């Protein structure tokens, strides 16, 4: 086997955004993650939206005041087939 081709292996502390931390081994000395097994919805059974860039808040703010345009327009009226046939004959 060749010597000195493998990366150095460290004992790493992984820190989550929820405040949880644990120790593992990695080629990096420190890891920061957004979600871990303590706060992940699969393990907790609670629904949680992970929104790191504020996209959900932007969407809610955009449509909170104006609402949906399609709901404000109302529904289109369909022409009755008998009325359309009468118009085409004349």
PDB file of N, CA and C in Angstrom:
ATOM      1  N   UNK A   1       0.835  -1.188   0.000  1.00  0.00           N
ATOM      2  CA  UNK A   1       0.000   0.000   0.000  1.00  0.00           C
ATOM      3  C   UNK A   1       0.874   1.244   0.000  1.00  0.00           C
ATOM      4  N   UNK A   2       0.356   2.283  -0.644  1.00  0.00           N
ATOM      5  CA  UNK A   2       1.085   3.545  -0.673  1.00  0.00           C
ATOM      6  C   UNK A   2       0.919   4.251   0.658  1.00  0.00           C
ATOM      7  N   UNK A   3       1.938   4.934   1.073  1.00  0.00           N
ATOM      8  CA  UNK A   3       1.900   5.689   2.318  1.00  0.00           C
ATOM      9  C   UNK A   3       1.540   7.144   2.027  1.00  0.00           C
ATOM     10  N   UNK A   4       0.915   7.791   3.003  1.00  0.00           N
ATOM     11  CA  UNK A   4       0.598   9.222   2.968  1.00  0.00           C
ATOM     12  C   UNK A   4      -0.370   9.625   1.841  1.00  0.00           C
ATOM     13  N   UNK A   5      -1.286   8.738   1.452  1.00  0.00           N
ATOM     14  CA  UNK A   5      -2.282   9.121   0.441  1.00  0.00           C
ATOM     15  C   UNK A   5      -3.655   9.326   1.065  1.00  0.00           C
ATOM     16  N   UNK A   6      -3.841   8.876   2.289  1.00  0.00           N
ATOM     17  CA  UNK A   6      -5.130   8.998   2.942  1.00  0.00           C
ATOM     18  C   UNK A   6      -5.216  10.298   3.725  1.00  0.00           C
ATOM     19  N   UNK A   7      -6.413  10.925   3.759  1.00  0.00           N
ATOM     20  CA  UNK A   7      -6.557  12.169   4.529  1.00  0.00           C
ATOM     21  C   UNK A   7      -6.471  11.883   6.025  1.00  0.00           C
ATOM     22  N   UNK A   8      -6.128  12.912   6.769  1.00  0.00           N
ATOM     23  CA  UNK A   8      -6.037  12.780   8.220  1.00  0.00           C
ATOM     24  C   UNK A   8      -7.431  12.633   8.805  1.00  0.00           C
ATOM     25  N   UNK A   9      -7.570  11.760   9.782  1.00  0.00           N
ATOM     26  CA  UNK A   9      -8.856  11.450  10.395  1.00  0.00           C
ATOM     27  C   UNK A   9      -8.896  12.061  11.782  1.00  0.00           C
ATOM     28  N   UNK A  10      -9.932  12.871  12.066  1.00  0.00           N
ATOM     29  CA  UNK A  10     -10.040  13.592  13.329  1.00  0.00           C
ATOM     30  C   UNK A  10     -11.226  13.085  14.143  1.00  0.00           C
ATOM     31  N   UNK A  11     -11.159  13.305  15.435  1.00  0.00           N
ATOM     32  CA  UNK A  11     -12.335  13.144  16.292  1.00  0.00           C
ATOM     33  C   UNK A  11     -13.069  14.480  16.212  1.00  0.00           C
ATOM     34  N   UNK A  12     -14.282  14.450  15.679  1.00  0.00           N
ATOM     35  CA  UNK A  12     -15.003  15.667  15.313  1.00  0.00           C
ATOM     36  C   UNK A  12     -16.211  15.892  16.214  1.00  0.00           C
ATOM     37  N   UNK A  13     -16.447  17.154  16.549  1.00  0.00           N
ATOM     38  CA  UNK A  13     -17.647  17.545  17.283  1.00  0.00           C
ATOM     39  C   UNK A  13     -18.636  18.113  16.265  1.00  0.00           C
ATOM     40  N   UNK A  14     -19.801  17.498  16.178  1.00  0.00           N
ATOM     41  CA  UNK A  14     -20.857  17.943  15.268  1.00  0.00           C
ATOM     42  C   UNK A  14     -21.833  18.778  16.083  1.00  0.00           C
ATOM     43  N   UNK A  15     -22.103  20.010  15.618  1.00  0.00           N
ATOM     44  CA  UNK A  15     -23.001  20.924  16.312  1.00  0.00           C
ATOM     45  C   UNK A  15     -24.210  21.195  15.423  1.00  0.00           C
ATOM     46  N   UNK A  16     -25.400  21.021  15.975  1.00  0.00           N
ATOM     47  CA  UNK A  16     -26.643  21.237  15.238  1.00  0.00           C
ATOM     48  C   UNK A  16     -27.189  22.636  15.531  1.00  0.00           C
ATOM     49  N   UNK A  17     -28.061  23.113  14.670  1.00  0.00           N
ATOM     50  CA  UNK A  17     -28.710  24.404  14.865  1.00  0.00           C
ATOM     51  C   UNK A  17     -29.631  24.435  16.071  1.00  0.00           C
ATOM     52  N   UNK A  18     -30.109  23.262  16.513  1.00  0.00           N
ATOM     53  CA  UNK A  18     -31.000  23.207  17.672  1.00  0.00           C
ATOM     54  C   UNK A  18     -30.228  23.256  18.987  1.00  0.00           C
ATOM     55  N   UNK A  19     -28.891  23.182  18.930  1.00  0.00           N
ATOM     56  CA  UNK A  19     -28.079  23.238  20.137  1.00  0.00           C
ATOM     57  C   UNK A  19     -27.491  21.895  20.531  1.00  0.00           C
ATOM     58  N   UNK A  20     -27.939  20.823  19.919  1.00  0.00           N
ATOM     59  CA  UNK A  20     -27.419  19.498  20.211  1.00  0.00           C
ATOM     60  C   UNK A  20     -26.017  19.346  19.618  1.00  0.00           C
ATOM     61  N   UNK A  21     -25.147  18.610  20.303  1.00  0.00           N
ATOM     62  CA  UNK A  21     -23.823  18.313  19.765  1.00  0.00           C
ATOM     63  C   UNK A  21     -23.447  16.890  20.142  1.00  0.00           C
ATOM     64  N   UNK A  22     -22.665  16.270  19.279  1.00  0.00           N
ATOM     65  CA  UNK A  22     -22.188  14.913  19.526  1.00  0.00           C
ATOM     66  C   UNK A  22     -20.830  14.747  18.865  1.00  0.00           C
ATOM     67  N   UNK A  23     -20.133  13.686  19.227  1.00  0.00           N
ATOM     68  CA  UNK A  23     -18.787  13.434  18.738  1.00  0.00           C
ATOM     69  C   UNK A  23     -18.802  12.261  17.772  1.00  0.00           C
ATOM     70  N   UNK A  24     -18.055  12.395  16.685  1.00  0.00           N
ATOM     71  CA  UNK A  24     -17.898  11.346  15.692  1.00  0.00           C
ATOM     72  C   UNK A  24     -16.512  11.469  15.081  1.00  0.00           C
ATOM     73  N   UNK A  25     -16.215  10.677  14.084  1.00  0.00           N
ATOM     74  CA  UNK A  25     -14.935  10.754  13.384  1.00  0.00           C
ATOM     75  C   UNK A  25     -15.170  11.237  11.968  1.00  0.00           C
ATOM     76  N   UNK A  26     -14.265  12.096  11.486  1.00  0.00           N
ATOM     77  CA  UNK A  26     -14.420  12.659  10.158  1.00  0.00           C
ATOM     78  C   UNK A  26     -13.075  13.182   9.678  1.00  0.00           C
ATOM     79  N   UNK A  27     -13.027  13.556   8.405  1.00  0.00           N
ATOM     80  CA  UNK A  27     -11.823  14.183   7.864  1.00  0.00           C
ATOM     81  C   UNK A  27     -11.821  15.682   8.135  1.00  0.00           C
ATOM     82  N   UNK A  28     -12.895  16.205   8.693  1.00  0.00           N
ATOM     83  CA  UNK A  28     -12.965  17.614   9.098  1.00  0.00           C
ATOM     84  C   UNK A  28     -12.890  17.710  10.608  1.00  0.00           C
ATOM     85  N   UNK A  29     -12.360  18.804  11.088  1.00  0.00           N
ATOM     86  CA  UNK A  29     -12.201  18.968  12.532  1.00  0.00           C
ATOM     87  C   UNK A  29     -13.480  19.423  13.208  1.00  0.00           C
ATOM     88  N   UNK A  30     -14.338  20.144  12.479  1.00  0.00           N
ATOM     89  CA  UNK A  30     -15.578  20.661  13.056  1.00  0.00           C
ATOM     90  C   UNK A  30     -16.673  20.616  11.997  1.00  0.00           C
ATOM     91  N   UNK A  31     -17.875  20.209  12.392  1.00  0.00           N
ATOM     92  CA  UNK A  31     -19.022  20.165  11.492  1.00  0.00           C
ATOM     93  C   UNK A  31     -20.186  20.906  12.127  1.00  0.00           C
ATOM     94  N   UNK A  32     -20.870  21.727  11.323  1.00  0.00           N
ATOM     95  CA  UNK A  32     -22.083  22.408  11.766  1.00  0.00           C
ATOM     96  C   UNK A  32     -23.198  21.989  10.826  1.00  0.00           C
ATOM     97  N   UNK A  33     -24.297  21.476  11.389  1.00  0.00           N
ATOM     98  CA  UNK A  33     -25.419  21.008  10.587  1.00  0.00           C
ATOM     99  C   UNK A  33     -26.685  21.767  10.966  1.00  0.00           C
ATOM    100  N   UNK A  34     -27.656  21.806  10.039  1.00  0.00           N
ATOM    101  CA  UNK A  34     -28.921  22.499  10.275  1.00  0.00           C
ATOM    102  C   UNK A  34     -29.909  21.639  11.045  1.00  0.00           C
ATOM    103  N   UNK A  35     -29.833  20.338  10.870  1.00  0.00           N
ATOM    104  CA  UNK A  35     -30.816  19.446  11.463  1.00  0.00           C
ATOM    105  C   UNK A  35     -30.132  18.134  11.857  1.00  0.00           C
ATOM    106  N   UNK A  36     -30.552  17.567  12.973  1.00  0.00           N
ATOM    107  CA  UNK A  36     -29.962  16.312  13.468  1.00  0.00           C
ATOM    108  C   UNK A  36     -31.074  15.361  13.888  1.00  0.00           C
ATOM    109  N   UNK A  37     -30.708  14.222  14.447  1.00  0.00           N
ATOM    110  CA  UNK A  37     -31.715  13.231  14.831  1.00  0.00           C
ATOM    111  C   UNK A  37     -32.567  13.683  16.013  1.00  0.00           C
ATOM    112  N   UNK A  38     -32.116  14.664  16.770  1.00  0.00           N
ATOM    113  CA  UNK A  38     -32.899  15.164  17.907  1.00  0.00           C
ATOM    114  C   UNK A  38     -34.043  16.060  17.426  1.00  0.00           C
ATOM    115  N   UNK A  39     -33.804  16.826  16.360  1.00  0.00           N
ATOM    116  CA  UNK A  39     -34.826  17.772  15.902  1.00  0.00           C
ATOM    117  C   UNK A  39     -35.441  17.410  14.548  1.00  0.00           C
ATOM    118  N   UNK A  40     -35.042  16.320  13.928  1.00  0.00           N
ATOM    119  CA  UNK A  40     -35.583  15.924  12.623  1.00  0.00           C
ATOM    120  C   UNK A  40     -37.018  15.416  12.786  1.00  0.00           C
ATOM    121  N   UNK A  41     -37.943  15.834  11.903  1.00  0.00           N
ATOM    122  CA  UNK A  41     -39.347  15.433  12.020  1.00  0.00           C
ATOM    123  C   UNK A  41     -39.577  13.925  11.982  1.00  0.00           C
ATOM    124  N   UNK A  42     -38.747  13.186  11.288  1.00  0.00           N
ATOM    125  CA  UNK A  42     -38.917  11.735  11.219  1.00  0.00           C
ATOM    126  C   UNK A  42     -38.742  11.103  12.594  1.00  0.00           C
ATOM    127  N   UNK A  43     -37.805  11.610  13.365  1.00  0.00           N
ATOM    128  CA  UNK A  43     -37.522  11.046  14.680  1.00  0.00           C
ATOM    129  C   UNK A  43     -38.399  11.637  15.782  1.00  0.00           C
ATOM    130  N   UNK A  44     -38.821  12.891  15.626  1.00  0.00           N
ATOM    131  CA  UNK A  44     -39.618  13.540  16.668  1.00  0.00           C
ATOM    132  C   UNK A  44     -41.109  13.312  16.494  1.00  0.00           C
ATOM    133  N   UNK A  45     -41.560  13.061  15.265  1.00  0.00           N
ATOM    134  CA  UNK A  45     -42.984  12.871  15.001  1.00  0.00           C
ATOM    135  C   UNK A  45     -43.746  14.181  14.891  1.00  0.00           C
ATOM    136  N   UNK A  46     -43.063  15.298  14.895  1.00  0.00           N
ATOM    137  CA  UNK A  46     -43.686  16.617  14.766  1.00  0.00           C
ATOM    138  C   UNK A  46     -43.272  17.227  13.447  1.00  0.00           C
ATOM    139  N   UNK A  47     -44.219  17.924  12.792  1.00  0.00           N
ATOM    140  CA  UNK A  47     -43.913  18.560  11.525  1.00  0.00           C
ATOM    141  C   UNK A  47     -43.154  19.856  11.781  1.00  0.00           C
ATOM    142  N   UNK A  48     -42.084  20.043  11.038  1.00  0.00           N
ATOM    143  CA  UNK A  48     -41.265  21.237  11.185  1.00  0.00           C
ATOM    144  C   UNK A  48     -40.758  21.622   9.805  1.00  0.00           C
ATOM    145  N   UNK A  49     -40.891  22.891   9.455  1.00  0.00           N
ATOM    146  CA  UNK A  49     -40.387  23.368   8.175  1.00  0.00           C
ATOM    147  C   UNK A  49     -38.983  23.911   8.374  1.00  0.00           C
ATOM    148  N   UNK A  50     -38.045  23.374   7.606  1.00  0.00           N
ATOM    149  CA  UNK A  50     -36.667  23.843   7.663  1.00  0.00           C
ATOM    150  C   UNK A  50     -36.533  24.898   6.574  1.00  0.00           C
ATOM    151  N   UNK A  51     -36.421  26.137   6.967  1.00  0.00           N
ATOM    152  CA  UNK A  51     -36.391  27.253   6.031  1.00  0.00           C
ATOM    153  C   UNK A  51     -35.152  28.082   6.320  1.00  0.00           C
ATOM    154  N   UNK A  52     -34.045  27.738   5.670  1.00  0.00           N
ATOM    155  CA  UNK A  52     -32.792  28.423   5.971  1.00  0.00           C
ATOM    156  C   UNK A  52     -32.680  29.779   5.291  1.00  0.00           C
ATOM    157  N   UNK A  53     -33.435  30.014   4.235  1.00  0.00           N
ATOM    158  CA  UNK A  53     -33.307  31.278   3.510  1.00  0.00           C
ATOM    159  C   UNK A  53     -34.532  32.174   3.629  1.00  0.00           C
ATOM    160  N   UNK A  54     -35.492  31.844   4.455  1.00  0.00           N
ATOM    161  CA  UNK A  54     -36.668  32.685   4.652  1.00  0.00           C
ATOM    162  C   UNK A  54     -37.663  32.635   3.512  1.00  0.00           C
ATOM    163  N   UNK A  55     -37.672  31.578   2.719  1.00  0.00           N
ATOM    164  CA  UNK A  55     -38.558  31.490   1.564  1.00  0.00           C
ATOM    165  C   UNK A  55     -40.017  31.387   1.965  1.00  0.00           C
ATOM    166  N   UNK A  56     -40.293  30.675   3.029  1.00  0.00           N
ATOM    167  CA  UNK A  56     -41.690  30.523   3.465  1.00  0.00           C
ATOM    168  C   UNK A  56     -42.238  31.866   3.929  1.00  0.00           C
ATOM    169  N   UNK A  57     -41.458  32.612   4.682  1.00  0.00           N
ATOM    170  CA  UNK A  57     -41.896  33.935   5.145  1.00  0.00           C
ATOM    171  C   UNK A  57     -42.099  34.892   3.976  1.00  0.00           C
ATOM    172  N   UNK A  58     -41.226  34.848   2.979  1.00  0.00           N
ATOM    173  CA  UNK A  58     -41.388  35.712   1.809  1.00  0.00           C
ATOM    174  C   UNK A  58     -42.697  35.393   1.095  1.00  0.00           C
ATOM    175  N   UNK A  59     -43.002  34.102   0.957  1.00  0.00           N
ATOM    176  CA  UNK A  59     -44.235  33.692   0.286  1.00  0.00           C
ATOM    177  C   UNK A  59     -45.457  34.150   1.066  1.00  0.00           C
ATOM    178  N   UNK A  60     -45.450  33.951   2.372  1.00  0.00           N
ATOM    179  CA  UNK A  60     -46.583  34.356   3.202  1.00  0.00           C
ATOM    180  C   UNK A  60     -46.789  35.864   3.158  1.00  0.00           C
ATOM    181  N   UNK A  61     -45.721  36.642   3.214  1.00  0.00           N
ATOM    182  CA  UNK A  61     -45.835  38.099   3.168  1.00  0.00           C
ATOM    183  C   UNK A  61     -46.338  38.566   1.809  1.00  0.00           C
ATOM    184  N   UNK A  62     -45.911  37.905   0.751  1.00  0.00           N
ATOM    185  CA  UNK A  62     -46.297  38.308  -0.600  1.00  0.00           C
ATOM    186  C   UNK A  62     -47.788  38.137  -0.832  1.00  0.00           C
ATOM    187  N   UNK A  63     -48.358  37.039  -0.349  1.00  0.00           N
ATOM    188  CA  UNK A  63     -49.759  36.743  -0.614  1.00  0.00           C
ATOM    189  C   UNK A  63     -50.681  37.048   0.555  1.00  0.00           C
ATOM    190  N   UNK A  64     -50.160  37.567   1.656  1.00  0.00           N
ATOM    191  CA  UNK A  64     -50.999  37.849   2.821  1.00  0.00           C
ATOM    192  C   UNK A  64     -51.962  39.001   2.543  1.00  0.00           C
ATOM    193  N   UNK A  65     -51.475  40.065   1.931  1.00  0.00           N
ATOM    194  CA  UNK A  65     -52.303  41.252   1.711  1.00  0.00           C
ATOM    195  C   UNK A  65     -53.183  41.121   0.471  1.00  0.00           C
ATOM    196  N   UNK A  66     -52.587  40.748  -0.630  1.00  0.00           N
ATOM    197  CA  UNK A  66     -53.312  40.736  -1.900  1.00  0.00           C
ATOM    198  C   UNK A  66     -54.164  39.495  -2.076  1.00  0.00           C
ATOM    199  N   UNK A  67     -53.732  38.398  -1.564  1.00  0.00           N
ATOM    200  CA  UNK A  67     -54.458  37.152  -1.796  1.00  0.00           C
ATOM    201  C   UNK A  67     -54.188  36.651  -3.199  1.00  0.00           C
ATOM    202  N   UNK A  68     -54.897  35.659  -3.595  1.00  0.00           N
ATOM    203  CA  UNK A  68     -54.732  35.110  -4.931  1.00  0.00           C
ATOM    204  C   UNK A  68     -55.621  35.857  -5.902  1.00  0.00           C
ATOM    205  N   UNK A  69     -55.074  36.260  -7.028  1.00  0.00           N
ATOM    206  CA  UNK A  69     -55.822  37.016  -8.031  1.00  0.00           C
ATOM    207  C   UNK A  69     -56.950  36.177  -8.623  1.00  0.00           C
ATOM    208  N   UNK A  70     -56.732  34.884  -8.767  1.00  0.00           N
ATOM    209  CA  UNK A  70     -57.757  34.031  -9.374  1.00  0.00           C
ATOM    210  C   UNK A  70     -58.995  33.921  -8.488  1.00  0.00           C
ATOM    211  N   UNK A  71     -58.843  34.072  -7.184  1.00  0.00           N
ATOM    212  CA  UNK A  71     -59.996  34.011  -6.294  1.00  0.00           C
ATOM    213  C   UNK A  71     -60.811  35.295  -6.341  1.00  0.00           C
ATOM    214  N   UNK A  72     -60.177  36.416  -6.641  1.00  0.00           N
ATOM    215  CA  UNK A  72     -60.865  37.699  -6.669  1.00  0.00           C
ATOM    216  C   UNK A  72     -61.606  37.932  -7.985  1.00  0.00           C
ATOM    217  N   UNK A  73     -61.197  37.279  -9.066  1.00  0.00           N
ATOM    218  CA  UNK A  73     -61.815  37.479 -10.367  1.00  0.00           C
ATOM    219  C   UNK A  73     -63.213  36.898 -10.463  1.00  0.00           C
ATOM    220  N   UNK A  74     -63.430  35.788  -9.830  1.00  0.00           N
ATOM    221  CA  UNK A  74     -64.703  35.094  -9.992  1.00  0.00           C
ATOM    222  C   UNK A  74     -64.580  34.056 -11.092  1.00  0.00           C
ATOM    223  N   UNK A  75     -65.635  33.302 -11.271  1.00  0.00           N
ATOM    224  CA  UNK A  75     -65.589  32.224 -12.253  1.00  0.00           C
ATOM    225  C   UNK A  75     -66.109  32.713 -13.595  1.00  0.00           C
ATOM    226  N   UNK A  76     -65.568  32.118 -14.659  1.00  0.00           N
ATOM    227  CA  UNK A  76     -66.027  32.434 -16.004  1.00  0.00           C
ATOM    228  C   UNK A  76     -67.342  31.706 -16.259  1.00  0.00           C
ATOM    229  N   UNK A  77     -68.217  32.360 -17.002  1.00  0.00           N
ATOM    230  CA  UNK A  77     -69.482  31.726 -17.346  1.00  0.00           C
ATOM    231  C   UNK A  77     -69.308  30.991 -18.665  1.00  0.00           C
ATOM    232  N   UNK A  78     -69.781  29.744 -18.693  1.00  0.00           N
ATOM    233  CA  UNK A  78     -69.701  28.956 -19.911  1.00  0.00           C
ATOM    234  C   UNK A  78     -70.936  29.235 -20.764  1.00  0.00           C
ATOM    235  N   UNK A  79     -70.736  29.345 -22.062  1.00  0.00           N
ATOM    236  CA  UNK A  79     -71.854  29.553 -22.986  1.00  0.00           C
ATOM    237  C   UNK A  79     -72.625  28.252 -23.121  1.00  0.00           C
ATOM    238  N   UNK A  80     -73.945  28.368 -23.112  1.00  0.00           N
ATOM    239  CA  UNK A  80     -74.769  27.182 -23.248  1.00  0.00           C
ATOM    240  C   UNK A  80     -74.728  26.704 -24.690  1.00  0.00           C
ATOM    241  N   UNK A  81     -74.711  25.400 -24.935  1.00  0.00           N
ATOM    242  CA  UNK A  81     -74.631  24.886 -26.310  1.00  0.00           C
ATOM    243  C   UNK A  81     -75.839  25.276 -27.169  1.00  0.00           C
ATOM    244  N   UNK A  82     -77.043  25.347 -26.603  1.00  0.00           N
ATOM    245  CA  UNK A  82     -78.239  25.714 -27.358  1.00  0.00           C
ATOM    246  C   UNK A  82     -78.180  27.173 -27.801  1.00  0.00           C
ATOM    247  N   UNK A  83     -77.701  28.027 -26.917  1.00  0.00           N
ATOM    248  CA  UNK A  83     -77.596  29.458 -27.235  1.00  0.00           C
ATOM    249  C   UNK A  83     -76.528  29.697 -28.284  1.00  0.00           C
ATOM    250  N   UNK A  84     -75.455  28.958 -28.214  1.00  0.00           N
ATOM    251  CA  UNK A  84     -74.383  29.099 -29.194  1.00  0.00           C
ATOM    252  C   UNK A  84     -74.822  28.619 -30.564  1.00  0.00           C
ATOM    253  N   UNK A  85     -75.618  27.536 -30.597  1.00  0.00           N
ATOM    254  CA  UNK A  85     -76.112  26.998 -31.868  1.00  0.00           C
ATOM    255  C   UNK A  85     -77.106  27.974 -32.517  1.00  0.00           C
ATOM    256  N   UNK A  86     -77.932  28.638 -31.691  1.00  0.00           N
ATOM    257  CA  UNK A  86     -78.919  29.589 -32.212  1.00  0.00           C
ATOM    258  C   UNK A  86     -78.212  30.795 -32.821  1.00  0.00           C
ATOM    259  N   UNK A  87     -77.117  31.234 -32.206  1.00  0.00           N
ATOM    260  CA  UNK A  87     -76.397  32.387 -32.710  1.00  0.00           C
ATOM    261  C   UNK A  87     -75.698  32.072 -34.032  1.00  0.00           C
ATOM    262  N   UNK A  88     -75.202  30.845 -34.179  1.00  0.00           N
ATOM    263  CA  UNK A  88     -74.483  30.490 -35.393  1.00  0.00           C
ATOM    264  C   UNK A  88     -75.432  30.312 -36.587  1.00  0.00           C
ATOM    265  N   UNK A  89     -76.719  29.964 -36.338  1.00  0.00           N
ATOM    266  CA  UNK A  89     -77.687  29.802 -37.404  1.00  0.00           C
ATOM    267  C   UNK A  89     -78.126  31.132 -37.988  1.00  0.00           C
ATOM    268  N   UNK A  90     -78.168  32.181 -37.203  1.00  0.00           N
ATOM    269  CA  UNK A  90     -78.662  33.458 -37.699  1.00  0.00           C
ATOM    270  C   UNK A  90     -77.622  34.278 -38.374  1.00  0.00           C
TER     271      UNK A  90
END
